[in-house]
Amino acid sequence: MPLASHCRRFRLKLLACWNPRKYGTRTTLAGDPNNPLRVEAAVEAQALLDALLKHAELMQQAKANE
């Protein structure tokens, strides 16, 4: 391998470390046409709300007991 080619590859590796968005390797995540990727997210809003209300009540009780 010629020295100039080696230096060029080394320079690109350094640039990839400094600015990976521009010079880094790109990774693409995609599904095939017959089985596309799906993102599923479930939020249990009622459980979160109940926990938040319980926390607020406990904080009020703690302030009242001070």
C-alpha atoms as a PDB file:
ATOM      1  CA  MET A   1       0.000   0.000   0.000  1.00  0.00           C
ATOM      2  CA  PRO A   2       1.520   3.366  -0.972  1.00  0.00           C
ATOM      3  CA  LEU A   3       2.281   5.811   1.816  1.00  0.00           C
ATOM      4  CA  ALA A   4      -0.063   8.507   0.415  1.00  0.00           C
ATOM      5  CA  SER A   5      -2.994   6.110   0.482  1.00  0.00           C
ATOM      6  CA  HIS A   6      -2.181   5.068   4.045  1.00  0.00           C
ATOM      7  CA  CYS A   7      -1.973   8.725   5.146  1.00  0.00           C
ATOM      8  CA  ARG A   8      -5.327   9.474   3.508  1.00  0.00           C
ATOM      9  CA  ARG A   9      -7.023   6.586   5.341  1.00  0.00           C
ATOM     10  CA  PHE A  10      -5.454   7.635   8.636  1.00  0.00           C
ATOM     11  CA  ARG A  11      -6.636  11.224   8.109  1.00  0.00           C
ATOM     12  CA  LEU A  12     -10.195  10.047   7.460  1.00  0.00           C
ATOM     13  CA  LYS A  13     -10.109   7.951  10.632  1.00  0.00           C
ATOM     14  CA  LEU A  14      -9.033  11.010  12.619  1.00  0.00           C
ATOM     15  CA  LEU A  15     -11.746  13.136  11.012  1.00  0.00           C
ATOM     16  CA  ALA A  16     -14.311  10.454  11.849  1.00  0.00           C
ATOM     17  CA  CYS A  17     -13.292  10.698  15.522  1.00  0.00           C
ATOM     18  CA  TRP A  18     -13.581  14.468  15.550  1.00  0.00           C
ATOM     19  CA  ASN A  19     -16.784  14.750  13.517  1.00  0.00           C
ATOM     20  CA  PRO A  20     -18.467  11.341  13.221  1.00  0.00           C
ATOM     21  CA  ARG A  21     -21.641  12.768  11.696  1.00  0.00           C
ATOM     22  CA  LYS A  22     -19.794  14.073   8.679  1.00  0.00           C
ATOM     23  CA  TYR A  23     -16.884  11.648   8.267  1.00  0.00           C
ATOM     24  CA  GLY A  24     -17.939   8.544  10.180  1.00  0.00           C
ATOM     25  CA  THR A  25     -19.343   5.331   8.843  1.00  0.00           C
ATOM     26  CA  ARG A  26     -23.046   5.425   8.221  1.00  0.00           C
ATOM     27  CA  THR A  27     -25.366   2.804   9.629  1.00  0.00           C
ATOM     28  CA  THR A  28     -28.811   2.425   8.139  1.00  0.00           C
ATOM     29  CA  LEU A  29     -31.524   0.484   9.906  1.00  0.00           C
ATOM     30  CA  ALA A  30     -34.272  -0.696   7.598  1.00  0.00           C
ATOM     31  CA  GLY A  31     -36.639  -3.604   7.226  1.00  0.00           C
ATOM     32  CA  ASP A  32     -37.370  -5.615   4.155  1.00  0.00           C
ATOM     33  CA  PRO A  33     -40.514  -4.859   2.080  1.00  0.00           C
ATOM     34  CA  ASN A  34     -42.311  -8.028   3.219  1.00  0.00           C
ATOM     35  CA  ASN A  35     -41.524  -7.507   6.908  1.00  0.00           C
ATOM     36  CA  PRO A  36     -41.073  -3.775   7.646  1.00  0.00           C
ATOM     37  CA  LEU A  37     -39.748  -2.496  10.955  1.00  0.00           C
ATOM     38  CA  ARG A  38     -42.335  -1.300  13.448  1.00  0.00           C
ATOM     39  CA  VAL A  39     -41.908   0.763  16.559  1.00  0.00           C
ATOM     40  CA  GLU A  40     -44.301  -0.020  19.347  1.00  0.00           C
ATOM     41  CA  ALA A  41     -44.564   2.090  22.450  1.00  0.00           C
ATOM     42  CA  ALA A  42     -47.007   1.653  25.296  1.00  0.00           C
ATOM     43  CA  VAL A  43     -47.495   4.168  28.053  1.00  0.00           C
ATOM     44  CA  GLU A  44     -49.474   3.333  31.125  1.00  0.00           C
ATOM     45  CA  ALA A  45     -50.800   6.826  31.735  1.00  0.00           C
ATOM     46  CA  GLN A  46     -53.130   5.896  34.573  1.00  0.00           C
ATOM     47  CA  ALA A  47     -50.385   4.158  36.570  1.00  0.00           C
ATOM     48  CA  LEU A  48     -48.040   7.119  36.061  1.00  0.00           C
ATOM     49  CA  LEU A  49     -50.735   9.594  37.084  1.00  0.00           C
ATOM     50  CA  ASP A  50     -51.581   7.581  40.208  1.00  0.00           C
ATOM     51  CA  ALA A  51     -47.911   7.478  41.223  1.00  0.00           C
ATOM     52  CA  LEU A  52     -47.572  11.215  40.657  1.00  0.00           C
ATOM     53  CA  LEU A  53     -50.654  11.995  42.772  1.00  0.00           C
ATOM     54  CA  LYS A  54     -49.461   9.690  45.556  1.00  0.00           C
ATOM     55  CA  HIS A  55     -46.074  11.429  45.547  1.00  0.00           C
ATOM     56  CA  ALA A  56     -47.759  14.859  45.733  1.00  0.00           C
ATOM     57  CA  GLU A  57     -49.877  13.711  48.684  1.00  0.00           C
ATOM     58  CA  LEU A  58     -46.813  12.381  50.493  1.00  0.00           C
ATOM     59  CA  MET A  59     -44.962  15.638  49.928  1.00  0.00           C
ATOM     60  CA  GLN A  60     -47.912  17.603  51.389  1.00  0.00           C
ATOM     61  CA  GLN A  61     -47.987  15.304  54.428  1.00  0.00           C
ATOM     62  CA  ALA A  62     -44.252  15.740  54.926  1.00  0.00           C
ATOM     63  CA  LYS A  63     -44.589  19.532  54.813  1.00  0.00           C
ATOM     64  CA  ALA A  64     -47.486  19.412  57.280  1.00  0.00           C
ATOM     65  CA  ASN A  65     -45.439  17.289  59.711  1.00  0.00           C
ATOM     66  CA  GLU A  66     -42.450  19.686  59.750  1.00  0.00           C
END
